[in-house]
């Protein structure tokens, strides 16, 4: 089975689309970064390195410092697909991020997006 084309795309190519989607709805780049850091465990420095190095999406998620253990709490539909039902790990991580950015663009509070216990 061949890998989806998106796996070989540089994360730096899709990142601006996430930022643009958020900013179009009055949200900030900093909020997008906070979501990415929460999901992947990246710091501002390690994330900047990944963007600068042109790391592909598959590697970006596979080598993330610490995928958040609470990511399993992310539920819902993105592009007609239930994120919690995606079996392949990399595609699920992509869908998780898509879902979080969608929630941000729809105006949901960052604390709720990040599934923090205080927001429950």
PDB file of N, CA and C in Angstrom:
ATOM      1  N   UNK A   1       0.846  -1.185   0.000  1.00  0.00           N
ATOM      2  CA  UNK A   1       0.000   0.000   0.000  1.00  0.00           C
ATOM      3  C   UNK A   1       0.889   1.246   0.000  1.00  0.00           C
ATOM      4  N   UNK A   2       0.596   2.184  -0.872  1.00  0.00           N
ATOM      5  CA  UNK A   2       1.399   3.399  -0.940  1.00  0.00           C
ATOM      6  C   UNK A   2       0.944   4.388   0.137  1.00  0.00           C
ATOM      7  N   UNK A   3       1.897   5.176   0.581  1.00  0.00           N
ATOM      8  CA  UNK A   3       1.610   6.185   1.596  1.00  0.00           C
ATOM      9  C   UNK A   3       0.883   7.362   0.949  1.00  0.00           C
ATOM     10  N   UNK A   4       0.004   7.997   1.703  1.00  0.00           N
ATOM     11  CA  UNK A   4      -0.635   9.218   1.199  1.00  0.00           C
ATOM     12  C   UNK A   4       0.418  10.284   0.881  1.00  0.00           C
ATOM     13  N   UNK A   5       0.178  11.066  -0.159  1.00  0.00           N
ATOM     14  CA  UNK A   5       1.116  12.114  -0.587  1.00  0.00           C
ATOM     15  C   UNK A   5       1.415  13.122   0.510  1.00  0.00           C
ATOM     16  N   UNK A   6       0.430  13.387   1.348  1.00  0.00           N
ATOM     17  CA  UNK A   6       0.625  14.402   2.388  1.00  0.00           C
ATOM     18  C   UNK A   6       1.778  14.043   3.325  1.00  0.00           C
ATOM     19  N   UNK A   7       2.062  12.758   3.497  1.00  0.00           N
ATOM     20  CA  UNK A   7       3.135  12.336   4.390  1.00  0.00           C
ATOM     21  C   UNK A   7       4.489  12.899   3.976  1.00  0.00           C
ATOM     22  N   UNK A   8       4.700  13.033   2.679  1.00  0.00           N
ATOM     23  CA  UNK A   8       6.002  13.497   2.190  1.00  0.00           C
ATOM     24  C   UNK A   8       6.085  15.017   2.050  1.00  0.00           C
ATOM     25  N   UNK A   9       4.985  15.716   2.306  1.00  0.00           N
ATOM     26  CA  UNK A   9       5.005  17.181   2.255  1.00  0.00           C
ATOM     27  C   UNK A   9       5.730  17.735   3.473  1.00  0.00           C
ATOM     28  N   UNK A  10       6.456  18.809   3.272  1.00  0.00           N
ATOM     29  CA  UNK A  10       7.116  19.476   4.395  1.00  0.00           C
ATOM     30  C   UNK A  10       6.051  20.108   5.290  1.00  0.00           C
ATOM     31  N   UNK A  11       6.205  19.930   6.604  1.00  0.00           N
ATOM     32  CA  UNK A  11       5.256  20.542   7.531  1.00  0.00           C
ATOM     33  C   UNK A  11       5.241  22.052   7.325  1.00  0.00           C
ATOM     34  N   UNK A  12       6.382  22.614   6.966  1.00  0.00           N
ATOM     35  CA  UNK A  12       6.488  24.062   6.729  1.00  0.00           C
ATOM     36  C   UNK A  12       5.587  24.523   5.578  1.00  0.00           C
ATOM     37  N   UNK A  13       5.174  23.598   4.713  1.00  0.00           N
ATOM     38  CA  UNK A  13       4.274  23.954   3.605  1.00  0.00           C
ATOM     39  C   UNK A  13       2.821  24.036   4.065  1.00  0.00           C
ATOM     40  N   UNK A  14       2.424  23.213   5.035  1.00  0.00           N
ATOM     41  CA  UNK A  14       1.032  23.222   5.486  1.00  0.00           C
ATOM     42  C   UNK A  14       0.807  24.147   6.684  1.00  0.00           C
ATOM     43  N   UNK A  15       1.854  24.408   7.426  1.00  0.00           N
ATOM     44  CA  UNK A  15       1.747  25.272   8.604  1.00  0.00           C
ATOM     45  C   UNK A  15       1.133  26.645   8.273  1.00  0.00           C
ATOM     46  N   UNK A  16       1.559  27.316   7.202  1.00  0.00           N
ATOM     47  CA  UNK A  16       0.942  28.608   6.889  1.00  0.00           C
ATOM     48  C   UNK A  16      -0.564  28.512   6.639  1.00  0.00           C
ATOM     49  N   UNK A  17      -1.038  27.382   6.142  1.00  0.00           N
ATOM     50  CA  UNK A  17      -2.481  27.211   5.914  1.00  0.00           C
ATOM     51  C   UNK A  17      -3.226  27.135   7.246  1.00  0.00           C
ATOM     52  N   UNK A  18      -2.627  26.467   8.230  1.00  0.00           N
ATOM     53  CA  UNK A  18      -3.234  26.420   9.566  1.00  0.00           C
ATOM     54  C   UNK A  18      -3.311  27.829  10.156  1.00  0.00           C
ATOM     55  N   UNK A  19      -2.227  28.575  10.043  1.00  0.00           N
ATOM     56  CA  UNK A  19      -2.182  29.940  10.579  1.00  0.00           C
ATOM     57  C   UNK A  19      -3.194  30.830   9.852  1.00  0.00           C
ATOM     58  N   UNK A  20      -3.239  30.722   8.529  1.00  0.00           N
ATOM     59  CA  UNK A  20      -4.172  31.542   7.742  1.00  0.00           C
ATOM     60  C   UNK A  20      -5.622  31.243   8.112  1.00  0.00           C
ATOM     61  N   UNK A  21      -5.944  29.972   8.296  1.00  0.00           N
ATOM     62  CA  UNK A  21      -7.311  29.589   8.667  1.00  0.00           C
ATOM     63  C   UNK A  21      -7.685  30.216  10.001  1.00  0.00           C
ATOM     64  N   UNK A  22      -6.778  30.168  10.963  1.00  0.00           N
ATOM     65  CA  UNK A  22      -7.044  30.739  12.277  1.00  0.00           C
ATOM     66  C   UNK A  22      -7.153  32.258  12.214  1.00  0.00           C
ATOM     67  N   UNK A  23      -6.207  32.890  11.537  1.00  0.00           N
ATOM     68  CA  UNK A  23      -6.199  34.357  11.472  1.00  0.00           C
ATOM     69  C   UNK A  23      -7.409  34.903  10.719  1.00  0.00           C
ATOM     70  N   UNK A  24      -7.877  34.166   9.736  1.00  0.00           N
ATOM     71  CA  UNK A  24      -9.060  34.578   8.980  1.00  0.00           C
ATOM     72  C   UNK A  24     -10.280  34.683   9.894  1.00  0.00           C
ATOM     73  N   UNK A  25     -10.261  33.898  10.968  1.00  0.00           N
ATOM     74  CA  UNK A  25     -11.367  33.899  11.926  1.00  0.00           C
ATOM     75  C   UNK A  25     -11.044  34.685  13.190  1.00  0.00           C
ATOM     76  N   UNK A  26     -10.007  35.539  13.117  1.00  0.00           N
ATOM     77  CA  UNK A  26      -9.683  36.405  14.246  1.00  0.00           C
ATOM     78  C   UNK A  26      -8.838  35.764  15.326  1.00  0.00           C
ATOM     79  N   UNK A  27      -8.267  34.612  15.061  1.00  0.00           N
ATOM     80  CA  UNK A  27      -7.399  33.957  16.031  1.00  0.00           C
ATOM     81  C   UNK A  27      -5.948  34.251  15.670  1.00  0.00           C
ATOM     82  N   UNK A  28      -5.011  33.835  16.504  1.00  0.00           N
ATOM     83  CA  UNK A  28      -3.620  34.227  16.293  1.00  0.00           C
ATOM     84  C   UNK A  28      -2.701  33.053  15.961  1.00  0.00           C
ATOM     85  N   UNK A  29      -1.567  33.401  15.392  1.00  0.00           N
ATOM     86  CA  UNK A  29      -0.498  32.440  15.111  1.00  0.00           C
ATOM     87  C   UNK A  29      -0.029  31.821  16.424  1.00  0.00           C
ATOM     88  N   UNK A  30       0.040  32.628  17.473  1.00  0.00           N
ATOM     89  CA  UNK A  30       0.466  32.140  18.786  1.00  0.00           C
ATOM     90  C   UNK A  30      -0.468  31.038  19.291  1.00  0.00           C
ATOM     91  N   UNK A  31      -1.764  31.170  19.030  1.00  0.00           N
ATOM     92  CA  UNK A  31      -2.717  30.137  19.448  1.00  0.00           C
ATOM     93  C   UNK A  31      -2.513  28.850  18.642  1.00  0.00           C
ATOM     94  N   UNK A  32      -2.249  28.999  17.343  1.00  0.00           N
ATOM     95  CA  UNK A  32      -1.954  27.829  16.507  1.00  0.00           C
ATOM     96  C   UNK A  32      -0.708  27.132  17.045  1.00  0.00           C
ATOM     97  N   UNK A  33       0.324  27.917  17.341  1.00  0.00           N
ATOM     98  CA  UNK A  33       1.560  27.346  17.877  1.00  0.00           C
ATOM     99  C   UNK A  33       1.304  26.634  19.208  1.00  0.00           C
ATOM    100  N   UNK A  34       0.511  27.233  20.071  1.00  0.00           N
ATOM    101  CA  UNK A  34       0.201  26.623  21.367  1.00  0.00           C
ATOM    102  C   UNK A  34      -0.456  25.255  21.173  1.00  0.00           C
ATOM    103  N   UNK A  35      -1.352  25.155  20.216  1.00  0.00           N
ATOM    104  CA  UNK A  35      -2.026  23.892  19.914  1.00  0.00           C
ATOM    105  C   UNK A  35      -1.018  22.863  19.400  1.00  0.00           C
ATOM    106  N   UNK A  36      -0.155  23.276  18.486  1.00  0.00           N
ATOM    107  CA  UNK A  36       0.856  22.364  17.939  1.00  0.00           C
ATOM    108  C   UNK A  36       1.808  21.904  19.042  1.00  0.00           C
ATOM    109  N   UNK A  37       2.230  22.826  19.898  1.00  0.00           N
ATOM    110  CA  UNK A  37       3.132  22.473  20.998  1.00  0.00           C
ATOM    111  C   UNK A  37       2.449  21.495  21.947  1.00  0.00           C
ATOM    112  N   UNK A  38       1.170  21.731  22.250  1.00  0.00           N
ATOM    113  CA  UNK A  38       0.418  20.843  23.139  1.00  0.00           C
ATOM    114  C   UNK A  38       0.340  19.436  22.545  1.00  0.00           C
ATOM    115  N   UNK A  39       0.017  19.353  21.265  1.00  0.00           N
ATOM    116  CA  UNK A  39      -0.165  18.050  20.620  1.00  0.00           C
ATOM    117  C   UNK A  39       1.140  17.276  20.485  1.00  0.00           C
ATOM    118  N   UNK A  40       2.220  17.967  20.138  1.00  0.00           N
ATOM    119  CA  UNK A  40       3.470  17.282  19.784  1.00  0.00           C
ATOM    120  C   UNK A  40       4.556  17.316  20.847  1.00  0.00           C
ATOM    121  N   UNK A  41       4.437  18.209  21.812  1.00  0.00           N
ATOM    122  CA  UNK A  41       5.490  18.355  22.811  1.00  0.00           C
ATOM    123  C   UNK A  41       6.643  19.225  22.344  1.00  0.00           C
ATOM    124  N   UNK A  42       6.519  19.830  21.166  1.00  0.00           N
ATOM    125  CA  UNK A  42       7.578  20.716  20.677  1.00  0.00           C
ATOM    126  C   UNK A  42       7.640  21.994  21.502  1.00  0.00           C
ATOM    127  N   UNK A  43       8.831  22.552  21.580  1.00  0.00           N
ATOM    128  CA  UNK A  43       9.030  23.893  22.143  1.00  0.00           C
ATOM    129  C   UNK A  43       9.101  24.844  20.953  1.00  0.00           C
ATOM    130  N   UNK A  44       9.125  26.134  21.219  1.00  0.00           N
ATOM    131  CA  UNK A  44       9.244  27.102  20.128  1.00  0.00           C
ATOM    132  C   UNK A  44      10.524  26.848  19.335  1.00  0.00           C
ATOM    133  N   UNK A  45      11.605  26.526  20.026  1.00  0.00           N
ATOM    134  CA  UNK A  45      12.893  26.295  19.366  1.00  0.00           C
ATOM    135  C   UNK A  45      12.879  25.035  18.514  1.00  0.00           C
ATOM    136  N   UNK A  46      12.412  23.920  19.078  1.00  0.00           N
ATOM    137  CA  UNK A  46      12.409  22.665  18.312  1.00  0.00           C
ATOM    138  C   UNK A  46      11.441  22.743  17.136  1.00  0.00           C
ATOM    139  N   UNK A  47      10.328  23.451  17.316  1.00  0.00           N
ATOM    140  CA  UNK A  47       9.365  23.613  16.227  1.00  0.00           C
ATOM    141  C   UNK A  47       9.979  24.449  15.098  1.00  0.00           C
ATOM    142  N   UNK A  48      10.645  25.533  15.465  1.00  0.00           N
ATOM    143  CA  UNK A  48      11.313  26.375  14.453  1.00  0.00           C
ATOM    144  C   UNK A  48      12.351  25.565  13.684  1.00  0.00           C
ATOM    145  N   UNK A  49      13.072  24.699  14.385  1.00  0.00           N
ATOM    146  CA  UNK A  49      14.056  23.832  13.721  1.00  0.00           C
ATOM    147  C   UNK A  49      13.388  22.912  12.711  1.00  0.00           C
ATOM    148  N   UNK A  50      12.253  22.323  13.086  1.00  0.00           N
ATOM    149  CA  UNK A  50      11.525  21.430  12.172  1.00  0.00           C
ATOM    150  C   UNK A  50      11.084  22.180  10.919  1.00  0.00           C
ATOM    151  N   UNK A  51      10.589  23.392  11.097  1.00  0.00           N
ATOM    152  CA  UNK A  51      10.160  24.189   9.946  1.00  0.00           C
ATOM    153  C   UNK A  51      11.349  24.532   9.057  1.00  0.00           C
ATOM    154  N   UNK A  52      12.433  24.953   9.678  1.00  0.00           N
ATOM    155  CA  UNK A  52      13.634  25.347   8.938  1.00  0.00           C
ATOM    156  C   UNK A  52      14.256  24.163   8.194  1.00  0.00           C
ATOM    157  N   UNK A  53      14.212  22.988   8.799  1.00  0.00           N
ATOM    158  CA  UNK A  53      14.822  21.801   8.192  1.00  0.00           C
ATOM    159  C   UNK A  53      13.961  21.181   7.097  1.00  0.00           C
ATOM    160  N   UNK A  54      12.714  21.647   6.943  1.00  0.00           N
ATOM    161  CA  UNK A  54      11.837  21.094   5.909  1.00  0.00           C
ATOM    162  C   UNK A  54      11.377  19.680   6.225  1.00  0.00           C
ATOM    163  N   UNK A  55      11.252  19.367   7.501  1.00  0.00           N
ATOM    164  CA  UNK A  55      10.833  18.040   7.941  1.00  0.00           C
ATOM    165  C   UNK A  55       9.476  17.687   7.348  1.00  0.00           C
ATOM    166  N   UNK A  56       9.382  16.466   6.778  1.00  0.00           N
ATOM    167  CA  UNK A  56       8.097  16.057   6.197  1.00  0.00           C
ATOM    168  C   UNK A  56       7.106  15.731   7.317  1.00  0.00           C
ATOM    169  N   UNK A  57       5.850  15.715   6.959  1.00  0.00           N
ATOM    170  CA  UNK A  57       4.777  15.544   7.943  1.00  0.00           C
ATOM    171  C   UNK A  57       4.895  14.212   8.675  1.00  0.00           C
ATOM    172  N   UNK A  58       5.193  13.147   7.948  1.00  0.00           N
ATOM    173  CA  UNK A  58       5.316  11.841   8.589  1.00  0.00           C
ATOM    174  C   UNK A  58       6.411  11.860   9.659  1.00  0.00           C
ATOM    175  N   UNK A  59       7.558  12.410   9.329  1.00  0.00           N
ATOM    176  CA  UNK A  59       8.676  12.496  10.275  1.00  0.00           C
ATOM    177  C   UNK A  59       8.351  13.467  11.407  1.00  0.00           C
ATOM    178  N   UNK A  60       7.687  14.570  11.084  1.00  0.00           N
ATOM    179  CA  UNK A  60       7.318  15.565  12.090  1.00  0.00           C
ATOM    180  C   UNK A  60       6.543  14.915  13.237  1.00  0.00           C
ATOM    181  N   UNK A  61       5.547  14.094  12.896  1.00  0.00           N
ATOM    182  CA  UNK A  61       4.758  13.451  13.942  1.00  0.00           C
ATOM    183  C   UNK A  61       5.488  12.256  14.554  1.00  0.00           C
ATOM    184  N   UNK A  62       6.205  11.490  13.735  1.00  0.00           N
ATOM    185  CA  UNK A  62       6.907  10.291  14.235  1.00  0.00           C
ATOM    186  C   UNK A  62       8.016  10.643  15.223  1.00  0.00           C
ATOM    187  N   UNK A  63       8.645  11.791  15.044  1.00  0.00           N
ATOM    188  CA  UNK A  63       9.764  12.182  15.910  1.00  0.00           C
ATOM    189  C   UNK A  63       9.402  13.303  16.882  1.00  0.00           C
ATOM    190  N   UNK A  64       8.105  13.570  17.017  1.00  0.00           N
ATOM    191  CA  UNK A  64       7.669  14.613  17.958  1.00  0.00           C
ATOM    192  C   UNK A  64       8.200  14.282  19.347  1.00  0.00           C
ATOM    193  N   UNK A  65       8.645  15.307  20.074  1.00  0.00           N
ATOM    194  CA  UNK A  65       9.223  15.064  21.402  1.00  0.00           C
ATOM    195  C   UNK A  65       8.327  14.259  22.337  1.00  0.00           C
ATOM    196  N   UNK A  66       7.037  14.567  22.359  1.00  0.00           N
ATOM    197  CA  UNK A  66       6.122  13.867  23.274  1.00  0.00           C
ATOM    198  C   UNK A  66       4.686  14.104  22.832  1.00  0.00           C
ATOM    199  N   UNK A  67       4.158  13.192  22.030  1.00  0.00           N
ATOM    200  CA  UNK A  67       2.759  13.334  21.635  1.00  0.00           C
ATOM    201  C   UNK A  67       1.912  13.316  22.909  1.00  0.00           C
ATOM    202  N   UNK A  68       1.006  14.265  23.016  1.00  0.00           N
ATOM    203  CA  UNK A  68       0.232  14.443  24.239  1.00  0.00           C
ATOM    204  C   UNK A  68      -0.645  13.215  24.517  1.00  0.00           C
ATOM    205  N   UNK A  69      -0.539  12.663  25.721  1.00  0.00           N
ATOM    206  CA  UNK A  69      -1.356  11.485  26.039  1.00  0.00           C
ATOM    207  C   UNK A  69      -2.859  11.777  26.027  1.00  0.00           C
ATOM    208  N   UNK A  70      -3.247  13.036  26.176  1.00  0.00           N
ATOM    209  CA  UNK A  70      -4.664  13.410  26.162  1.00  0.00           C
ATOM    210  C   UNK A  70      -5.228  13.574  24.754  1.00  0.00           C
ATOM    211  N   UNK A  71      -4.419  13.344  23.738  1.00  0.00           N
ATOM    212  CA  UNK A  71      -4.907  13.498  22.356  1.00  0.00           C
ATOM    213  C   UNK A  71      -6.044  12.524  22.051  1.00  0.00           C
ATOM    214  N   UNK A  72      -6.109  11.441  22.779  1.00  0.00           N
ATOM    215  CA  UNK A  72      -7.197  10.486  22.599  1.00  0.00           C
ATOM    216  C   UNK A  72      -8.560  11.051  22.974  1.00  0.00           C
ATOM    217  N   UNK A  73      -8.567  12.176  23.683  1.00  0.00           N
ATOM    218  CA  UNK A  73      -9.820  12.834  24.048  1.00  0.00           C
ATOM    219  C   UNK A  73     -10.400  13.638  22.887  1.00  0.00           C
ATOM    220  N   UNK A  74      -9.621  13.797  21.817  1.00  0.00           N
ATOM    221  CA  UNK A  74     -10.082  14.555  20.650  1.00  0.00           C
ATOM    222  C   UNK A  74     -11.043  13.669  19.874  1.00  0.00           C
ATOM    223  N   UNK A  75     -12.264  14.125  19.747  1.00  0.00           N
ATOM    224  CA  UNK A  75     -13.309  13.368  19.054  1.00  0.00           C
ATOM    225  C   UNK A  75     -13.976  14.272  18.031  1.00  0.00           C
ATOM    226  N   UNK A  76     -14.580  13.664  17.050  1.00  0.00           N
ATOM    227  CA  UNK A  76     -15.343  14.441  16.084  1.00  0.00           C
ATOM    228  C   UNK A  76     -14.981  14.099  14.655  1.00  0.00           C
ATOM    229  N   UNK A  77     -15.538  14.885  13.744  1.00  0.00           N
ATOM    230  CA  UNK A  77     -15.395  14.626  12.323  1.00  0.00           C
ATOM    231  C   UNK A  77     -14.583  15.733  11.657  1.00  0.00           C
ATOM    232  N   UNK A  78     -13.642  15.317  10.822  1.00  0.00           N
ATOM    233  CA  UNK A  78     -12.864  16.240   9.997  1.00  0.00           C
ATOM    234  C   UNK A  78     -12.886  15.669   8.588  1.00  0.00           C
ATOM    235  N   UNK A  79     -13.307  16.470   7.642  1.00  0.00           N
ATOM    236  CA  UNK A  79     -13.375  16.036   6.236  1.00  0.00           C
ATOM    237  C   UNK A  79     -14.194  14.749   6.101  1.00  0.00           C
ATOM    238  N   UNK A  80     -15.258  14.642   6.861  1.00  0.00           N
ATOM    239  CA  UNK A  80     -16.134  13.489   6.778  1.00  0.00           C
ATOM    240  C   UNK A  80     -15.601  12.228   7.436  1.00  0.00           C
ATOM    241  N   UNK A  81     -14.497  12.339   8.181  1.00  0.00           N
ATOM    242  CA  UNK A  81     -13.879  11.182   8.811  1.00  0.00           C
ATOM    243  C   UNK A  81     -13.849  11.392  10.322  1.00  0.00           C
ATOM    244  N   UNK A  82     -14.298  10.400  11.076  1.00  0.00           N
ATOM    245  CA  UNK A  82     -14.221  10.466  12.541  1.00  0.00           C
ATOM    246  C   UNK A  82     -12.778  10.278  12.961  1.00  0.00           C
ATOM    247  N   UNK A  83     -12.202  11.280  13.609  1.00  0.00           N
ATOM    248  CA  UNK A  83     -10.780  11.232  13.960  1.00  0.00           C
ATOM    249  C   UNK A  83     -10.445  10.048  14.858  1.00  0.00           C
ATOM    250  N   UNK A  84     -11.331   9.711  15.759  1.00  0.00           N
ATOM    251  CA  UNK A  84     -11.046   8.618  16.684  1.00  0.00           C
ATOM    252  C   UNK A  84     -11.084   7.240  16.013  1.00  0.00           C
ATOM    253  N   UNK A  85     -11.593   7.166  14.789  1.00  0.00           N
ATOM    254  CA  UNK A  85     -11.668   5.893  14.068  1.00  0.00           C
ATOM    255  C   UNK A  85     -10.543   5.702  13.054  1.00  0.00           C
ATOM    256  N   UNK A  86      -9.699   6.711  12.881  1.00  0.00           N
ATOM    257  CA  UNK A  86      -8.579   6.586  11.949  1.00  0.00           C
ATOM    258  C   UNK A  86      -7.561   5.634  12.564  1.00  0.00           C
ATOM    259  N   UNK A  87      -7.263   4.547  11.857  1.00  0.00           N
ATOM    260  CA  UNK A  87      -6.389   3.524  12.425  1.00  0.00           C
ATOM    261  C   UNK A  87      -4.908   3.846  12.279  1.00  0.00           C
ATOM    262  N   UNK A  88      -4.509   4.385  11.156  1.00  0.00           N
ATOM    263  CA  UNK A  88      -3.091   4.636  10.887  1.00  0.00           C
ATOM    264  C   UNK A  88      -2.629   5.826  11.730  1.00  0.00           C
ATOM    265  N   UNK A  89      -1.557   5.623  12.473  1.00  0.00           N
ATOM    266  CA  UNK A  89      -1.084   6.595  13.466  1.00  0.00           C
ATOM    267  C   UNK A  89      -0.782   7.987  12.902  1.00  0.00           C
ATOM    268  N   UNK A  90      -0.045   8.057  11.811  1.00  0.00           N
ATOM    269  CA  UNK A  90       0.315   9.361  11.247  1.00  0.00           C
ATOM    270  C   UNK A  90      -0.922  10.099  10.756  1.00  0.00           C
ATOM    271  N   UNK A  91      -1.809   9.401  10.067  1.00  0.00           N
ATOM    272  CA  UNK A  91      -3.027  10.048   9.567  1.00  0.00           C
ATOM    273  C   UNK A  91      -3.894  10.501  10.729  1.00  0.00           C
ATOM    274  N   UNK A  92      -3.944   9.723  11.807  1.00  0.00           N
ATOM    275  CA  UNK A  92      -4.721  10.134  12.980  1.00  0.00           C
ATOM    276  C   UNK A  92      -4.134  11.410  13.574  1.00  0.00           C
ATOM    277  N   UNK A  93      -2.809  11.504  13.656  1.00  0.00           N
ATOM    278  CA  UNK A  93      -2.164  12.713  14.191  1.00  0.00           C
ATOM    279  C   UNK A  93      -2.494  13.922  13.324  1.00  0.00           C
ATOM    280  N   UNK A  94      -2.475  13.731  12.013  1.00  0.00           N
ATOM    281  CA  UNK A  94      -2.831  14.820  11.095  1.00  0.00           C
ATOM    282  C   UNK A  94      -4.269  15.249  11.337  1.00  0.00           C
ATOM    283  N   UNK A  95      -5.162  14.294  11.456  1.00  0.00           N
ATOM    284  CA  UNK A  95      -6.581  14.597  11.687  1.00  0.00           C
ATOM    285  C   UNK A  95      -6.796  15.257  13.043  1.00  0.00           C
ATOM    286  N   UNK A  96      -6.042  14.815  14.064  1.00  0.00           N
ATOM    287  CA  UNK A  96      -6.141  15.478  15.364  1.00  0.00           C
ATOM    288  C   UNK A  96      -5.813  16.961  15.221  1.00  0.00           C
ATOM    289  N   UNK A  97      -4.708  17.253  14.551  1.00  0.00           N
ATOM    290  CA  UNK A  97      -4.306  18.651  14.396  1.00  0.00           C
ATOM    291  C   UNK A  97      -5.345  19.418  13.591  1.00  0.00           C
ATOM    292  N   UNK A  98      -5.847  18.811  12.522  1.00  0.00           N
ATOM    293  CA  UNK A  98      -6.900  19.460  11.724  1.00  0.00           C
ATOM    294  C   UNK A  98      -8.109  19.789  12.593  1.00  0.00           C
ATOM    295  N   UNK A  99      -8.516  18.848  13.421  1.00  0.00           N
ATOM    296  CA  UNK A  99      -9.679  19.044  14.289  1.00  0.00           C
ATOM    297  C   UNK A  99      -9.437  20.175  15.290  1.00  0.00           C
ATOM    298  N   UNK A 100      -8.255  20.207  15.885  1.00  0.00           N
ATOM    299  CA  UNK A 100      -7.945  21.259  16.848  1.00  0.00           C
ATOM    300  C   UNK A 100      -7.944  22.638  16.197  1.00  0.00           C
ATOM    301  N   UNK A 101      -7.373  22.733  14.994  1.00  0.00           N
ATOM    302  CA  UNK A 101      -7.353  24.016  14.282  1.00  0.00           C
ATOM    303  C   UNK A 101      -8.769  24.415  13.871  1.00  0.00           C
ATOM    304  N   UNK A 102      -9.598  23.454  13.480  1.00  0.00           N
ATOM    305  CA  UNK A 102     -10.999  23.747  13.160  1.00  0.00           C
ATOM    306  C   UNK A 102     -11.712  24.326  14.381  1.00  0.00           C
ATOM    307  N   UNK A 103     -11.480  23.722  15.543  1.00  0.00           N
ATOM    308  CA  UNK A 103     -12.111  24.217  16.766  1.00  0.00           C
ATOM    309  C   UNK A 103     -11.651  25.633  17.084  1.00  0.00           C
ATOM    310  N   UNK A 104     -10.372  25.897  16.889  1.00  0.00           N
ATOM    311  CA  UNK A 104      -9.843  27.243  17.113  1.00  0.00           C
ATOM    312  C   UNK A 104     -10.530  28.236  16.179  1.00  0.00           C
ATOM    313  N   UNK A 105     -10.621  27.886  14.907  1.00  0.00           N
ATOM    314  CA  UNK A 105     -11.231  28.777  13.917  1.00  0.00           C
ATOM    315  C   UNK A 105     -12.721  29.008  14.194  1.00  0.00           C
ATOM    316  N   UNK A 106     -13.369  28.054  14.852  1.00  0.00           N
ATOM    317  CA  UNK A 106     -14.782  28.221  15.187  1.00  0.00           C
ATOM    318  C   UNK A 106     -15.003  28.998  16.475  1.00  0.00           C
ATOM    319  N   UNK A 107     -13.905  29.452  17.089  1.00  0.00           N
ATOM    320  CA  UNK A 107     -14.038  30.319  18.254  1.00  0.00           C
ATOM    321  C   UNK A 107     -14.000  29.637  19.606  1.00  0.00           C
ATOM    322  N   UNK A 108     -13.711  28.364  19.637  1.00  0.00           N
ATOM    323  CA  UNK A 108     -13.648  27.645  20.908  1.00  0.00           C
ATOM    324  C   UNK A 108     -12.455  28.135  21.728  1.00  0.00           C
ATOM    325  N   UNK A 109     -12.615  28.208  23.032  1.00  0.00           N
ATOM    326  CA  UNK A 109     -11.544  28.650  23.925  1.00  0.00           C
ATOM    327  C   UNK A 109     -10.375  27.669  23.868  1.00  0.00           C
ATOM    328  N   UNK A 110      -9.170  28.198  23.867  1.00  0.00           N
ATOM    329  CA  UNK A 110      -7.972  27.368  23.775  1.00  0.00           C
ATOM    330  C   UNK A 110      -7.931  26.347  24.913  1.00  0.00           C
ATOM    331  N   UNK A 111      -8.338  26.721  26.112  1.00  0.00           N
ATOM    332  CA  UNK A 111      -8.326  25.796  27.243  1.00  0.00           C
ATOM    333  C   UNK A 111      -9.196  24.576  26.962  1.00  0.00           C
ATOM    334  N   UNK A 112     -10.317  24.785  26.313  1.00  0.00           N
ATOM    335  CA  UNK A 112     -11.203  23.670  25.971  1.00  0.00           C
ATOM    336  C   UNK A 112     -10.614  22.859  24.806  1.00  0.00           C
ATOM    337  N   UNK A 113     -10.025  23.528  23.842  1.00  0.00           N
ATOM    338  CA  UNK A 113      -9.403  22.842  22.715  1.00  0.00           C
ATOM    339  C   UNK A 113      -8.319  21.893  23.206  1.00  0.00           C
ATOM    340  N   UNK A 114      -7.550  22.337  24.193  1.00  0.00           N
ATOM    341  CA  UNK A 114      -6.440  21.541  24.710  1.00  0.00           C
ATOM    342  C   UNK A 114      -6.889  20.504  25.736  1.00  0.00           C
ATOM    343  N   UNK A 115      -8.180  20.345  25.886  1.00  0.00           N
ATOM    344  CA  UNK A 115      -8.739  19.323  26.757  1.00  0.00           C
ATOM    345  C   UNK A 115      -8.135  19.377  28.153  1.00  0.00           C
ATOM    346  N   UNK A 116      -7.930  20.605  28.664  1.00  0.00           N
ATOM    347  CA  UNK A 116      -7.344  20.730  29.989  1.00  0.00           C
ATOM    348  C   UNK A 116      -8.397  20.406  31.049  1.00  0.00           C
ATOM    349  N   UNK A 117      -8.004  19.752  32.126  1.00  0.00           N
ATOM    350  CA  UNK A 117      -8.948  19.353  33.173  1.00  0.00           C
ATOM    351  C   UNK A 117      -9.758  20.534  33.738  1.00  0.00           C
ATOM    352  N   UNK A 118      -9.151  21.709  33.818  1.00  0.00           N
ATOM    353  CA  UNK A 118      -9.846  22.879  34.350  1.00  0.00           C
ATOM    354  C   UNK A 118     -11.009  23.314  33.471  1.00  0.00           C
ATOM    355  N   UNK A 119     -10.948  22.964  32.186  1.00  0.00           N
ATOM    356  CA  UNK A 119     -11.999  23.373  31.241  1.00  0.00           C
ATOM    357  C   UNK A 119     -13.180  22.421  31.253  1.00  0.00           C
ATOM    358  N   UNK A 120     -13.051  21.284  31.915  1.00  0.00           N
ATOM    359  CA  UNK A 120     -14.116  20.275  31.901  1.00  0.00           C
ATOM    360  C   UNK A 120     -15.317  20.700  32.693  1.00  0.00           C
TER     361      UNK A 120
END
